[in-house]
Amino acid sequence: MHALMQISLFAARLIELYSFLIWIRIIMSWFRPYPRPGSFTYYIARAVDPYLGLFRSDKARIGMLDFSPIIAIGVLAVVQSLLAVYGSFGFLTLGIILAQIISAIWSYGISIFLFFSIIILIFRAIAAFTHSPSLYSMYGQFSDPISNMVRKCFTTRIPRDSTIALISLAINIALYFVLKQAFMILADLALRLPL
């Protein structure tokens, strides 16, 4: 049993290193999406691109942004944390597994999406208040679904874009904190499962 715990801790560290290489690949892809053969980034891409390719999908894209690497890192984070828990304590329960999955869904999914939405809505509000059509059109495609849902709530008169932007931003910020608490409670409840 002790050897298996040591192997689990070693595997957890390897996964942590691999996740770090994925982050390097993500950042380097912003500057050089197709690395030159023989370069350092080329070998990193060769090591991580096959794994990232498993998660590539049109459903993970919003405009030009691809969130599939975040999903891939989230899956690795769950596996890495489960290995680390087993390596440290020598056991895993269903509750621990569920708590790790719930935490990963929040950390690598919903929180990133909401944070991104909040940033976009901040720029949308600035565009609405400054009456900047170029800034408005740049962020409109991302924030239009949220703004349209808020706009539908007003039946008697349609408010100005600046009001819609501020209401949308306030709803997203409140949603972020409410869902964060809800996911923390769910993870805590999962840890208390007797299995």
C-alpha atoms as a PDB file:
ATOM      1  CA  MET A   1       0.000   0.000   0.000  1.00  0.00           C
ATOM      2  CA  HIS A   2       2.810   2.415   0.816  1.00  0.00           C
ATOM      3  CA  ALA A   3       4.419   1.925  -2.621  1.00  0.00           C
ATOM      4  CA  LEU A   4       1.084   2.607  -4.342  1.00  0.00           C
ATOM      5  CA  MET A   5       0.742   5.853  -2.377  1.00  0.00           C
ATOM      6  CA  GLN A   6       4.245   6.916  -3.469  1.00  0.00           C
ATOM      7  CA  ILE A   7       3.418   6.103  -7.102  1.00  0.00           C
ATOM      8  CA  SER A   8       0.213   8.164  -6.803  1.00  0.00           C
ATOM      9  CA  LEU A   9       2.115  11.171  -5.448  1.00  0.00           C
ATOM     10  CA  PHE A  10       4.714  10.847  -8.218  1.00  0.00           C
ATOM     11  CA  ALA A  11       1.979  10.617 -10.881  1.00  0.00           C
ATOM     12  CA  ALA A  12       0.263  13.664  -9.367  1.00  0.00           C
ATOM     13  CA  ARG A  13       3.508  15.642  -9.687  1.00  0.00           C
ATOM     14  CA  LEU A  14       3.921  14.513 -13.305  1.00  0.00           C
ATOM     15  CA  ILE A  15       0.386  15.636 -14.112  1.00  0.00           C
ATOM     16  CA  GLU A  16       1.098  18.964 -12.424  1.00  0.00           C
ATOM     17  CA  LEU A  17       4.182  19.396 -14.643  1.00  0.00           C
ATOM     18  CA  TYR A  18       2.193  18.403 -17.734  1.00  0.00           C
ATOM     19  CA  SER A  19      -0.494  20.982 -16.838  1.00  0.00           C
ATOM     20  CA  PHE A  20       2.252  23.596 -16.544  1.00  0.00           C
ATOM     21  CA  LEU A  21       3.459  22.669 -20.050  1.00  0.00           C
ATOM     22  CA  ILE A  22      -0.103  23.094 -21.329  1.00  0.00           C
ATOM     23  CA  TRP A  23      -0.208  26.604 -19.842  1.00  0.00           C
ATOM     24  CA  ILE A  24       3.102  27.410 -21.557  1.00  0.00           C
ATOM     25  CA  ARG A  25       1.671  26.122 -24.836  1.00  0.00           C
ATOM     26  CA  ILE A  26      -1.481  28.225 -24.423  1.00  0.00           C
ATOM     27  CA  ILE A  27       0.471  31.412 -23.738  1.00  0.00           C
ATOM     28  CA  MET A  28       3.001  30.767 -26.511  1.00  0.00           C
ATOM     29  CA  SER A  29       0.178  30.084 -28.998  1.00  0.00           C
ATOM     30  CA  TRP A  30      -0.927  33.693 -28.610  1.00  0.00           C
ATOM     31  CA  PHE A  31       2.399  34.832 -30.033  1.00  0.00           C
ATOM     32  CA  ARG A  32       3.364  31.928 -32.283  1.00  0.00           C
ATOM     33  CA  PRO A  33       0.475  29.519 -32.957  1.00  0.00           C
ATOM     34  CA  TYR A  34       2.600  27.329 -35.252  1.00  0.00           C
ATOM     35  CA  PRO A  35       6.023  26.922 -33.647  1.00  0.00           C
ATOM     36  CA  ARG A  36       9.119  26.547 -35.800  1.00  0.00           C
ATOM     37  CA  PRO A  37      10.346  22.911 -36.007  1.00  0.00           C
ATOM     38  CA  GLY A  38      13.264  22.304 -33.682  1.00  0.00           C
ATOM     39  CA  SER A  39      12.363  25.153 -31.308  1.00  0.00           C
ATOM     40  CA  PHE A  40      11.564  24.702 -27.618  1.00  0.00           C
ATOM     41  CA  THR A  41       7.894  25.532 -28.173  1.00  0.00           C
ATOM     42  CA  TYR A  42       7.748  22.995 -31.011  1.00  0.00           C
ATOM     43  CA  TYR A  43       8.596  20.168 -28.615  1.00  0.00           C
ATOM     44  CA  ILE A  44       6.125  21.443 -26.038  1.00  0.00           C
ATOM     45  CA  ALA A  45       3.450  21.528 -28.750  1.00  0.00           C
ATOM     46  CA  ARG A  46       4.336  17.965 -29.796  1.00  0.00           C
ATOM     47  CA  ALA A  47       3.946  16.839 -26.174  1.00  0.00           C
ATOM     48  CA  VAL A  48       0.641  18.547 -25.335  1.00  0.00           C
ATOM     49  CA  ASP A  49      -1.246  19.051 -28.621  1.00  0.00           C
ATOM     50  CA  PRO A  50      -2.409  15.411 -28.898  1.00  0.00           C
ATOM     51  CA  TYR A  51      -4.006  15.670 -25.450  1.00  0.00           C
ATOM     52  CA  LEU A  52      -5.507  19.096 -26.193  1.00  0.00           C
ATOM     53  CA  GLY A  53      -6.872  17.740 -29.468  1.00  0.00           C
ATOM     54  CA  LEU A  54      -9.117  15.366 -27.507  1.00  0.00           C
ATOM     55  CA  PHE A  55     -11.052  18.367 -26.162  1.00  0.00           C
ATOM     56  CA  ARG A  56     -11.211  20.590 -29.262  1.00  0.00           C
ATOM     57  CA  SER A  57     -14.807  21.243 -30.274  1.00  0.00           C
ATOM     58  CA  ASP A  58     -16.899  24.040 -31.725  1.00  0.00           C
ATOM     59  CA  LYS A  59     -18.979  23.894 -28.536  1.00  0.00           C
ATOM     60  CA  ALA A  60     -15.950  25.055 -26.529  1.00  0.00           C
ATOM     61  CA  ARG A  61     -15.508  28.182 -28.686  1.00  0.00           C
ATOM     62  CA  ILE A  62     -16.995  31.612 -28.160  1.00  0.00           C
ATOM     63  CA  GLY A  63     -16.130  33.762 -31.138  1.00  0.00           C
ATOM     64  CA  MET A  64     -12.393  33.540 -31.616  1.00  0.00           C
ATOM     65  CA  LEU A  65     -11.751  32.269 -28.082  1.00  0.00           C
ATOM     66  CA  ASP A  66     -11.205  28.550 -27.575  1.00  0.00           C
ATOM     67  CA  PHE A  67     -11.955  27.327 -24.045  1.00  0.00           C
ATOM     68  CA  SER A  68     -11.094  23.674 -24.754  1.00  0.00           C
ATOM     69  CA  PRO A  69      -7.599  23.949 -23.189  1.00  0.00           C
ATOM     70  CA  ILE A  70      -9.212  25.106 -19.936  1.00  0.00           C
ATOM     71  CA  ILE A  71     -11.490  22.050 -19.994  1.00  0.00           C
ATOM     72  CA  ALA A  72      -8.465  19.825 -20.679  1.00  0.00           C
ATOM     73  CA  ILE A  73      -6.575  21.367 -17.748  1.00  0.00           C
ATOM     74  CA  GLY A  74      -9.664  20.950 -15.548  1.00  0.00           C
ATOM     75  CA  VAL A  75      -9.787  17.216 -16.261  1.00  0.00           C
ATOM     76  CA  LEU A  76      -6.083  16.932 -15.431  1.00  0.00           C
ATOM     77  CA  ALA A  77      -6.641  18.924 -12.235  1.00  0.00           C
ATOM     78  CA  VAL A  78      -9.303  16.458 -11.047  1.00  0.00           C
ATOM     79  CA  VAL A  79      -7.076  13.453 -11.764  1.00  0.00           C
ATOM     80  CA  GLN A  80      -4.055  15.155 -10.183  1.00  0.00           C
ATOM     81  CA  SER A  81      -5.926  16.091  -7.010  1.00  0.00           C
ATOM     82  CA  LEU A  82      -7.422  12.599  -6.659  1.00  0.00           C
ATOM     83  CA  LEU A  83      -3.966  11.055  -7.016  1.00  0.00           C
ATOM     84  CA  ALA A  84      -2.571  13.532  -4.474  1.00  0.00           C
ATOM     85  CA  VAL A  85      -5.345  12.739  -1.981  1.00  0.00           C
ATOM     86  CA  TYR A  86      -4.809   9.006  -2.387  1.00  0.00           C
ATOM     87  CA  GLY A  87      -1.040   9.440  -2.160  1.00  0.00           C
ATOM     88  CA  SER A  88      -1.368  11.424   1.052  1.00  0.00           C
ATOM     89  CA  PHE A  89      -4.092   9.483   2.883  1.00  0.00           C
ATOM     90  CA  GLY A  90      -4.143   6.064   1.220  1.00  0.00           C
ATOM     91  CA  PHE A  91      -7.857   6.063   0.387  1.00  0.00           C
ATOM     92  CA  LEU A  92     -10.484   7.680  -1.825  1.00  0.00           C
ATOM     93  CA  THR A  93     -14.200   7.904  -1.175  1.00  0.00           C
ATOM     94  CA  LEU A  94     -17.075   8.683  -3.499  1.00  0.00           C
ATOM     95  CA  GLY A  95     -17.514  11.936  -1.596  1.00  0.00           C
ATOM     96  CA  ILE A  96     -13.919  13.017  -2.252  1.00  0.00           C
ATOM     97  CA  ILE A  97     -14.263  12.181  -5.942  1.00  0.00           C
ATOM     98  CA  LEU A  98     -17.538  14.117  -6.237  1.00  0.00           C
ATOM     99  CA  ALA A  99     -16.128  17.083  -4.313  1.00  0.00           C
ATOM    100  CA  GLN A 100     -13.114  17.258  -6.645  1.00  0.00           C
ATOM    101  CA  ILE A 101     -15.347  17.082  -9.735  1.00  0.00           C
ATOM    102  CA  ILE A 102     -17.675  19.778  -8.361  1.00  0.00           C
ATOM    103  CA  SER A 103     -14.695  22.014  -7.542  1.00  0.00           C
ATOM    104  CA  ALA A 104     -13.236  21.495 -11.024  1.00  0.00           C
ATOM    105  CA  ILE A 105     -16.542  22.328 -12.721  1.00  0.00           C
ATOM    106  CA  TRP A 106     -16.565  25.604 -10.824  1.00  0.00           C
ATOM    107  CA  SER A 107     -12.860  26.433 -11.127  1.00  0.00           C
ATOM    108  CA  TYR A 108     -12.274  25.415 -14.742  1.00  0.00           C
ATOM    109  CA  GLY A 109     -15.704  25.990 -16.199  1.00  0.00           C
ATOM    110  CA  ILE A 110     -18.358  28.200 -14.757  1.00  0.00           C
ATOM    111  CA  SER A 111     -16.129  30.692 -12.905  1.00  0.00           C
ATOM    112  CA  ILE A 112     -13.961  31.309 -15.975  1.00  0.00           C
ATOM    113  CA  PHE A 113     -17.020  31.803 -18.170  1.00  0.00           C
ATOM    114  CA  LEU A 114     -18.623  34.205 -15.688  1.00  0.00           C
ATOM    115  CA  PHE A 115     -15.368  36.096 -15.167  1.00  0.00           C
ATOM    116  CA  PHE A 116     -14.982  36.448 -18.932  1.00  0.00           C
ATOM    117  CA  SER A 117     -18.609  37.638 -19.185  1.00  0.00           C
ATOM    118  CA  ILE A 118     -18.027  40.233 -16.463  1.00  0.00           C
ATOM    119  CA  ILE A 119     -14.963  41.619 -18.258  1.00  0.00           C
ATOM    120  CA  ILE A 120     -16.870  41.789 -21.562  1.00  0.00           C
ATOM    121  CA  LEU A 121     -19.833  43.496 -19.871  1.00  0.00           C
ATOM    122  CA  ILE A 122     -17.516  46.068 -18.280  1.00  0.00           C
ATOM    123  CA  PHE A 123     -16.228  46.977 -21.746  1.00  0.00           C
ATOM    124  CA  ARG A 124     -19.797  46.944 -23.073  1.00  0.00           C
ATOM    125  CA  ALA A 125     -20.856  49.378 -20.325  1.00  0.00           C
ATOM    126  CA  ILE A 126     -17.903  51.654 -21.110  1.00  0.00           C
ATOM    127  CA  ALA A 127     -18.869  51.562 -24.788  1.00  0.00           C
ATOM    128  CA  ALA A 128     -22.494  52.382 -23.966  1.00  0.00           C
ATOM    129  CA  PHE A 129     -21.535  55.342 -21.764  1.00  0.00           C
ATOM    130  CA  THR A 130     -18.908  56.721 -24.174  1.00  0.00           C
ATOM    131  CA  HIS A 131     -21.095  56.085 -27.228  1.00  0.00           C
ATOM    132  CA  SER A 132     -18.176  54.368 -28.936  1.00  0.00           C
ATOM    133  CA  PRO A 133     -19.588  52.340 -31.860  1.00  0.00           C
ATOM    134  CA  SER A 134     -16.293  50.566 -32.590  1.00  0.00           C
ATOM    135  CA  LEU A 135     -15.893  49.418 -28.977  1.00  0.00           C
ATOM    136  CA  TYR A 136     -19.588  48.540 -28.835  1.00  0.00           C
ATOM    137  CA  SER A 137     -19.470  46.362 -31.960  1.00  0.00           C
ATOM    138  CA  MET A 138     -16.258  44.666 -30.790  1.00  0.00           C
ATOM    139  CA  TYR A 139     -17.847  43.375 -27.563  1.00  0.00           C
ATOM    140  CA  GLY A 140     -21.453  43.229 -28.724  1.00  0.00           C
ATOM    141  CA  GLN A 141     -21.300  39.712 -30.146  1.00  0.00           C
ATOM    142  CA  PHE A 142     -20.238  38.320 -26.769  1.00  0.00           C
ATOM    143  CA  SER A 143     -22.614  40.297 -24.585  1.00  0.00           C
ATOM    144  CA  ASP A 144     -25.712  40.430 -26.822  1.00  0.00           C
ATOM    145  CA  PRO A 145     -27.249  37.178 -25.504  1.00  0.00           C
ATOM    146  CA  ILE A 146     -27.016  38.431 -21.913  1.00  0.00           C
ATOM    147  CA  SER A 147     -28.231  41.922 -22.806  1.00  0.00           C
ATOM    148  CA  ASN A 148     -31.161  40.545 -24.829  1.00  0.00           C
ATOM    149  CA  MET A 149     -32.332  38.456 -21.858  1.00  0.00           C
ATOM    150  CA  VAL A 150     -32.249  41.557 -19.643  1.00  0.00           C
ATOM    151  CA  ARG A 151     -33.986  43.646 -22.316  1.00  0.00           C
ATOM    152  CA  LYS A 152     -36.866  41.125 -22.466  1.00  0.00           C
ATOM    153  CA  CYS A 153     -37.623  41.797 -18.785  1.00  0.00           C
ATOM    154  CA  PHE A 154     -38.724  45.336 -19.635  1.00  0.00           C
ATOM    155  CA  THR A 155     -42.184  45.166 -21.196  1.00  0.00           C
ATOM    156  CA  THR A 156     -43.448  48.751 -20.935  1.00  0.00           C
ATOM    157  CA  ARG A 157     -40.455  50.698 -22.223  1.00  0.00           C
ATOM    158  CA  ILE A 158     -37.055  49.761 -23.524  1.00  0.00           C
ATOM    159  CA  PRO A 159     -34.241  51.248 -21.415  1.00  0.00           C
ATOM    160  CA  ARG A 160     -31.058  52.752 -22.820  1.00  0.00           C
ATOM    161  CA  ASP A 161     -28.105  50.537 -23.688  1.00  0.00           C
ATOM    162  CA  SER A 162     -26.116  51.936 -20.776  1.00  0.00           C
ATOM    163  CA  THR A 163     -28.843  50.850 -18.338  1.00  0.00           C
ATOM    164  CA  ILE A 164     -29.046  47.393 -19.916  1.00  0.00           C
ATOM    165  CA  ALA A 165     -25.242  47.060 -19.722  1.00  0.00           C
ATOM    166  CA  LEU A 166     -25.155  48.011 -16.033  1.00  0.00           C
ATOM    167  CA  ILE A 167     -28.038  45.685 -15.125  1.00  0.00           C
ATOM    168  CA  SER A 168     -26.408  42.819 -17.071  1.00  0.00           C
ATOM    169  CA  LEU A 169     -23.102  43.477 -15.319  1.00  0.00           C
ATOM    170  CA  ALA A 170     -24.738  43.550 -11.872  1.00  0.00           C
ATOM    171  CA  ILE A 171     -26.602  40.298 -12.570  1.00  0.00           C
ATOM    172  CA  ASN A 172     -23.399  38.575 -13.714  1.00  0.00           C
ATOM    173  CA  ILE A 173     -21.437  39.745 -10.663  1.00  0.00           C
ATOM    174  CA  ALA A 174     -24.227  38.596  -8.316  1.00  0.00           C
ATOM    175  CA  LEU A 175     -24.475  35.291 -10.176  1.00  0.00           C
ATOM    176  CA  TYR A 176     -20.725  34.773  -9.816  1.00  0.00           C
ATOM    177  CA  PHE A 177     -20.820  35.098  -6.025  1.00  0.00           C
ATOM    178  CA  VAL A 178     -24.057  33.120  -5.574  1.00  0.00           C
ATOM    179  CA  LEU A 179     -22.807  30.228  -7.707  1.00  0.00           C
ATOM    180  CA  LYS A 180     -19.419  30.291  -5.978  1.00  0.00           C
ATOM    181  CA  GLN A 181     -21.140  29.807  -2.618  1.00  0.00           C
ATOM    182  CA  ALA A 182     -23.456  27.148  -4.045  1.00  0.00           C
ATOM    183  CA  PHE A 183     -20.547  25.141  -5.452  1.00  0.00           C
ATOM    184  CA  MET A 184     -18.647  25.427  -2.160  1.00  0.00           C
ATOM    185  CA  ILE A 185     -21.704  24.113  -0.302  1.00  0.00           C
ATOM    186  CA  LEU A 186     -22.139  21.270  -2.816  1.00  0.00           C
ATOM    187  CA  ALA A 187     -18.472  20.273  -2.516  1.00  0.00           C
ATOM    188  CA  ASP A 188     -18.736  20.341   1.287  1.00  0.00           C
ATOM    189  CA  LEU A 189     -21.887  18.194   1.197  1.00  0.00           C
ATOM    190  CA  ALA A 190     -20.159  15.742  -1.158  1.00  0.00           C
ATOM    191  CA  LEU A 191     -17.250  15.392   1.278  1.00  0.00           C
ATOM    192  CA  ARG A 192     -19.703  14.426   4.021  1.00  0.00           C
ATOM    193  CA  LEU A 193     -21.061  11.464   2.079  1.00  0.00           C
ATOM    194  CA  PRO A 194     -20.490   8.306   4.120  1.00  0.00           C
ATOM    195  CA  LEU A 195     -19.272   6.326   1.083  1.00  0.00           C
END
